[in-house]
Amino acid sequence: MVTAEINRIESVRRTKEEYLKERMKVCEKLAIKKKMNIKQPPPRDGGEEMSTV
């Protein structure tokens, strides 16, 4: 029983690590997209709205 419990915990830990790795990949992709968006000049409407707020 104890070994089965340990194995279950280990499998959960592995899936968590895989999940975190996937999250990191997604975050990196989003960060790259954001960087590319930042390189583009912001629209004048958006810039003016930001300054008034």
PDB file of N, CA and C in Angstrom:
ATOM      1  N   MET A   1       0.837  -1.210   0.000  1.00  0.00           N
ATOM      2  CA  MET A   1       0.000   0.000   0.000  1.00  0.00           C
ATOM      3  C   MET A   1       0.871   1.259   0.000  1.00  0.00           C
ATOM      4  N   VAL A   2       1.910   1.256   0.823  1.00  0.00           N
ATOM      5  CA  VAL A   2       2.748   2.453   0.926  1.00  0.00           C
ATOM      6  C   VAL A   2       3.444   2.724  -0.405  1.00  0.00           C
ATOM      7  N   THR A   3       3.985   1.674  -1.031  1.00  0.00           N
ATOM      8  CA  THR A   3       4.685   1.882  -2.305  1.00  0.00           C
ATOM      9  C   THR A   3       3.717   2.403  -3.366  1.00  0.00           C
ATOM     10  N   ALA A   4       2.493   1.898  -3.367  1.00  0.00           N
ATOM     11  CA  ALA A   4       1.508   2.370  -4.343  1.00  0.00           C
ATOM     12  C   ALA A   4       1.237   3.857  -4.123  1.00  0.00           C
ATOM     13  N   GLU A   5       1.118   4.250  -2.868  1.00  0.00           N
ATOM     14  CA  GLU A   5       0.878   5.666  -2.547  1.00  0.00           C
ATOM     15  C   GLU A   5       2.051   6.523  -3.018  1.00  0.00           C
ATOM     16  N   ILE A   6       3.265   6.050  -2.748  1.00  0.00           N
ATOM     17  CA  ILE A   6       4.458   6.798  -3.171  1.00  0.00           C
ATOM     18  C   ILE A   6       4.482   6.907  -4.690  1.00  0.00           C
ATOM     19  N   ASN A   7       4.188   5.803  -5.380  1.00  0.00           N
ATOM     20  CA  ASN A   7       4.184   5.836  -6.841  1.00  0.00           C
ATOM     21  C   ASN A   7       3.159   6.845  -7.345  1.00  0.00           C
ATOM     22  N   ARG A   8       1.994   6.885  -6.703  1.00  0.00           N
ATOM     23  CA  ARG A   8       0.950   7.819  -7.124  1.00  0.00           C
ATOM     24  C   ARG A   8       1.430   9.260  -6.938  1.00  0.00           C
ATOM     25  N   ILE A   9       2.057   9.528  -5.804  1.00  0.00           N
ATOM     26  CA  ILE A   9       2.570  10.874  -5.536  1.00  0.00           C
ATOM     27  C   ILE A   9       3.644  11.231  -6.565  1.00  0.00           C
ATOM     28  N   GLU A  10       4.534  10.284  -6.863  1.00  0.00           N
ATOM     29  CA  GLU A  10       5.594  10.542  -7.845  1.00  0.00           C
ATOM     30  C   GLU A  10       4.985  10.857  -9.212  1.00  0.00           C
ATOM     31  N   SER A  11       3.958  10.096  -9.603  1.00  0.00           N
ATOM     32  CA  SER A  11       3.340  10.337 -10.911  1.00  0.00           C
ATOM     33  C   SER A  11       2.694  11.717 -10.933  1.00  0.00           C
ATOM     34  N   VAL A  12       2.065  12.105  -9.824  1.00  0.00           N
ATOM     35  CA  VAL A  12       1.459  13.437  -9.765  1.00  0.00           C
ATOM     36  C   VAL A  12       2.546  14.495  -9.869  1.00  0.00           C
ATOM     37  N   ARG A  13       3.647  14.277  -9.182  1.00  0.00           N
ATOM     38  CA  ARG A  13       4.751  15.241  -9.223  1.00  0.00           C
ATOM     39  C   ARG A  13       5.265  15.376 -10.652  1.00  0.00           C
ATOM     40  N   ARG A  14       5.409  14.252 -11.348  1.00  0.00           N
ATOM     41  CA  ARG A  14       5.899  14.300 -12.728  1.00  0.00           C
ATOM     42  C   ARG A  14       4.936  15.096 -13.602  1.00  0.00           C
ATOM     43  N   THR A  15       3.645  14.819 -13.469  1.00  0.00           N
ATOM     44  CA  THR A  15       2.679  15.531 -14.306  1.00  0.00           C
ATOM     45  C   THR A  15       2.704  17.019 -13.976  1.00  0.00           C
ATOM     46  N   LYS A  16       2.910  17.360 -12.712  1.00  0.00           N
ATOM     47  CA  LYS A  16       3.002  18.778 -12.339  1.00  0.00           C
ATOM     48  C   LYS A  16       4.205  19.410 -13.017  1.00  0.00           C
ATOM     49  N   GLU A  17       5.339  18.723 -13.009  1.00  0.00           N
ATOM     50  CA  GLU A  17       6.545  19.266 -13.649  1.00  0.00           C
ATOM     51  C   GLU A  17       6.305  19.453 -15.144  1.00  0.00           C
ATOM     52  N   GLU A  18       5.674  18.448 -15.777  1.00  0.00           N
ATOM     53  CA  GLU A  18       5.388  18.561 -17.204  1.00  0.00           C
ATOM     54  C   GLU A  18       4.452  19.736 -17.453  1.00  0.00           C
ATOM     55  N   TYR A  19       3.457  19.884 -16.576  1.00  0.00           N
ATOM     56  CA  TYR A  19       2.498  20.983 -16.713  1.00  0.00           C
ATOM     57  C   TYR A  19       3.214  22.329 -16.601  1.00  0.00           C
ATOM     58  N   LEU A  20       4.113  22.424 -15.615  1.00  0.00           N
ATOM     59  CA  LEU A  20       4.857  23.677 -15.432  1.00  0.00           C
ATOM     60  C   LEU A  20       5.739  23.955 -16.647  1.00  0.00           C
ATOM     61  N   LYS A  21       6.352  22.901 -17.196  1.00  0.00           N
ATOM     62  CA  LYS A  21       7.187  23.089 -18.387  1.00  0.00           C
ATOM     63  C   LYS A  21       6.332  23.615 -19.534  1.00  0.00           C
ATOM     64  N   GLU A  22       5.139  23.035 -19.704  1.00  0.00           N
ATOM     65  CA  GLU A  22       4.243  23.496 -20.762  1.00  0.00           C
ATOM     66  C   GLU A  22       3.870  24.952 -20.525  1.00  0.00           C
ATOM     67  N   ARG A  23       3.575  25.294 -19.272  1.00  0.00           N
ATOM     68  CA  ARG A  23       3.226  26.679 -18.937  1.00  0.00           C
ATOM     69  C   ARG A  23       4.386  27.607 -19.295  1.00  0.00           C
ATOM     70  N   MET A  24       5.614  27.174 -18.986  1.00  0.00           N
ATOM     71  CA  MET A  24       6.784  27.995 -19.301  1.00  0.00           C
ATOM     72  C   MET A  24       6.878  28.220 -20.811  1.00  0.00           C
ATOM     73  N   LYS A  25       6.657  27.145 -21.584  1.00  0.00           N
ATOM     74  CA  LYS A  25       6.720  27.269 -23.044  1.00  0.00           C
ATOM     75  C   LYS A  25       5.681  28.278 -23.524  1.00  0.00           C
ATOM     76  N   VAL A  26       4.459  28.154 -23.001  1.00  0.00           N
ATOM     77  CA  VAL A  26       3.387  29.061 -23.416  1.00  0.00           C
ATOM     78  C   VAL A  26       3.734  30.490 -23.028  1.00  0.00           C
ATOM     79  N   CYS A  27       4.246  30.661 -21.811  1.00  0.00           N
ATOM     80  CA  CYS A  27       4.613  32.008 -21.345  1.00  0.00           C
ATOM     81  C   CYS A  27       5.713  32.592 -22.225  1.00  0.00           C
ATOM     82  N   GLU A  28       6.684  31.764 -22.602  1.00  0.00           N
ATOM     83  CA  GLU A  28       7.765  32.250 -23.465  1.00  0.00           C
ATOM     84  C   GLU A  28       7.207  32.684 -24.814  1.00  0.00           C
ATOM     85  N   LYS A  29       6.280  31.878 -25.368  1.00  0.00           N
ATOM     86  CA  LYS A  29       5.683  32.235 -26.656  1.00  0.00           C
ATOM     87  C   LYS A  29       4.938  33.555 -26.531  1.00  0.00           C
ATOM     88  N   LEU A  30       4.175  33.705 -25.440  1.00  0.00           N
ATOM     89  CA  LEU A  30       3.425  34.948 -25.236  1.00  0.00           C
ATOM     90  C   LEU A  30       4.383  36.117 -25.074  1.00  0.00           C
ATOM     91  N   ALA A  31       5.471  35.909 -24.346  1.00  0.00           N
ATOM     92  CA  ALA A  31       6.451  36.981 -24.136  1.00  0.00           C
ATOM     93  C   ALA A  31       7.049  37.402 -25.475  1.00  0.00           C
ATOM     94  N   ILE A  32       7.349  36.420 -26.326  1.00  0.00           N
ATOM     95  CA  ILE A  32       7.916  36.731 -27.643  1.00  0.00           C
ATOM     96  C   ILE A  32       6.904  37.543 -28.449  1.00  0.00           C
ATOM     97  N   LYS A  33       5.629  37.129 -28.390  1.00  0.00           N
ATOM     98  CA  LYS A  33       4.592  37.867 -29.119  1.00  0.00           C
ATOM     99  C   LYS A  33       4.504  39.291 -28.590  1.00  0.00           C
ATOM    100  N   LYS A  34       4.548  39.437 -27.264  1.00  0.00           N
ATOM    101  CA  LYS A  34       4.462  40.774 -26.671  1.00  0.00           C
ATOM    102  C   LYS A  34       5.645  41.620 -27.122  1.00  0.00           C
ATOM    103  N   LYS A  35       6.842  41.051 -27.126  1.00  0.00           N
ATOM    104  CA  LYS A  35       8.024  41.797 -27.571  1.00  0.00           C
ATOM    105  C   LYS A  35       7.836  42.263 -29.010  1.00  0.00           C
ATOM    106  N   MET A  36       7.306  41.385 -29.857  1.00  0.00           N
ATOM    107  CA  MET A  36       7.095  41.753 -31.255  1.00  0.00           C
ATOM    108  C   MET A  36       6.060  42.871 -31.344  1.00  0.00           C
ATOM    109  N   ASN A  37       5.026  42.795 -30.502  1.00  0.00           N
ATOM    110  CA  ASN A  37       4.000  43.842 -30.509  1.00  0.00           C
ATOM    111  C   ASN A  37       4.581  45.164 -30.024  1.00  0.00           C
ATOM    112  N   ILE A  38       5.466  45.097 -29.030  1.00  0.00           N
ATOM    113  CA  ILE A  38       6.068  46.319 -28.488  1.00  0.00           C
ATOM    114  C   ILE A  38       6.920  47.000 -29.563  1.00  0.00           C
ATOM    115  N   LYS A  39       7.589  46.216 -30.405  1.00  0.00           N
ATOM    116  CA  LYS A  39       8.446  46.790 -31.450  1.00  0.00           C
ATOM    117  C   LYS A  39       7.615  47.636 -32.413  1.00  0.00           C
ATOM    118  N   GLN A  40       6.349  47.243 -32.629  1.00  0.00           N
ATOM    119  CA  GLN A  40       5.494  48.025 -33.513  1.00  0.00           C
ATOM    120  C   GLN A  40       5.113  49.326 -32.815  1.00  0.00           C
ATOM    121  N   PRO A  41       5.018  50.427 -33.535  1.00  0.00           N
ATOM    122  CA  PRO A  41       4.626  51.687 -32.901  1.00  0.00           C
ATOM    123  C   PRO A  41       3.192  51.599 -32.402  1.00  0.00           C
ATOM    124  N   PRO A  42       2.929  52.065 -31.188  1.00  0.00           N
ATOM    125  CA  PRO A  42       1.572  51.979 -30.642  1.00  0.00           C
ATOM    126  C   PRO A  42       0.627  52.892 -31.410  1.00  0.00           C
ATOM    127  N   PRO A  43      -0.637  52.515 -31.549  1.00  0.00           N
ATOM    128  CA  PRO A  43      -1.605  53.371 -32.254  1.00  0.00           C
ATOM    129  C   PRO A  43      -1.800  54.686 -31.503  1.00  0.00           C
ATOM    130  N   ARG A  44      -2.041  55.757 -32.236  1.00  0.00           N
ATOM    131  CA  ARG A  44      -2.157  57.082 -31.600  1.00  0.00           C
ATOM    132  C   ARG A  44      -3.332  57.112 -30.633  1.00  0.00           C
ATOM    133  N   ASP A  45      -4.445  56.482 -30.993  1.00  0.00           N
ATOM    134  CA  ASP A  45      -5.621  56.492 -30.105  1.00  0.00           C
ATOM    135  C   ASP A  45      -5.253  55.894 -28.759  1.00  0.00           C
ATOM    136  N   GLY A  46      -4.622  54.712 -28.781  1.00  0.00           N
ATOM    137  CA  GLY A  46      -4.257  54.047 -27.528  1.00  0.00           C
ATOM    138  C   GLY A  46      -3.309  54.905 -26.713  1.00  0.00           C
ATOM    139  N   GLY A  47      -2.331  55.531 -27.362  1.00  0.00           N
ATOM    140  CA  GLY A  47      -1.360  56.351 -26.647  1.00  0.00           C
ATOM    141  C   GLY A  47      -2.025  57.533 -25.960  1.00  0.00           C
ATOM    142  N   GLU A  48      -2.962  58.158 -26.657  1.00  0.00           N
ATOM    143  CA  GLU A  48      -3.642  59.322 -26.072  1.00  0.00           C
ATOM    144  C   GLU A  48      -4.499  58.897 -24.893  1.00  0.00           C
ATOM    145  N   GLU A  49      -5.174  57.749 -25.022  1.00  0.00           N
ATOM    146  CA  GLU A  49      -6.007  57.263 -23.916  1.00  0.00           C
ATOM    147  C   GLU A  49      -5.141  56.988 -22.691  1.00  0.00           C
ATOM    148  N   MET A  50      -3.972  56.395 -22.906  1.00  0.00           N
ATOM    149  CA  MET A  50      -3.097  56.071 -21.780  1.00  0.00           C
ATOM    150  C   MET A  50      -2.660  57.351 -21.074  1.00  0.00           C
ATOM    151  N   SER A  51      -2.359  58.412 -21.823  1.00  0.00           N
ATOM    152  CA  SER A  51      -1.843  59.638 -21.212  1.00  0.00           C
ATOM    153  C   SER A  51      -2.928  60.343 -20.401  1.00  0.00           C
ATOM    154  N   THR A  52      -4.184  60.248 -20.837  1.00  0.00           N
ATOM    155  CA  THR A  52      -5.252  60.947 -20.114  1.00  0.00           C
ATOM    156  C   THR A  52      -5.580  60.242 -18.810  1.00  0.00           C
ATOM    157  N   VAL A  53      -5.389  58.934 -18.739  1.00  0.00           N
ATOM    158  CA  VAL A  53      -5.794  58.180 -17.530  1.00  0.00           C
ATOM    159  C   VAL A  53      -4.860  58.417 -16.373  1.00  0.00           C
TER     160      VAL A  53
END
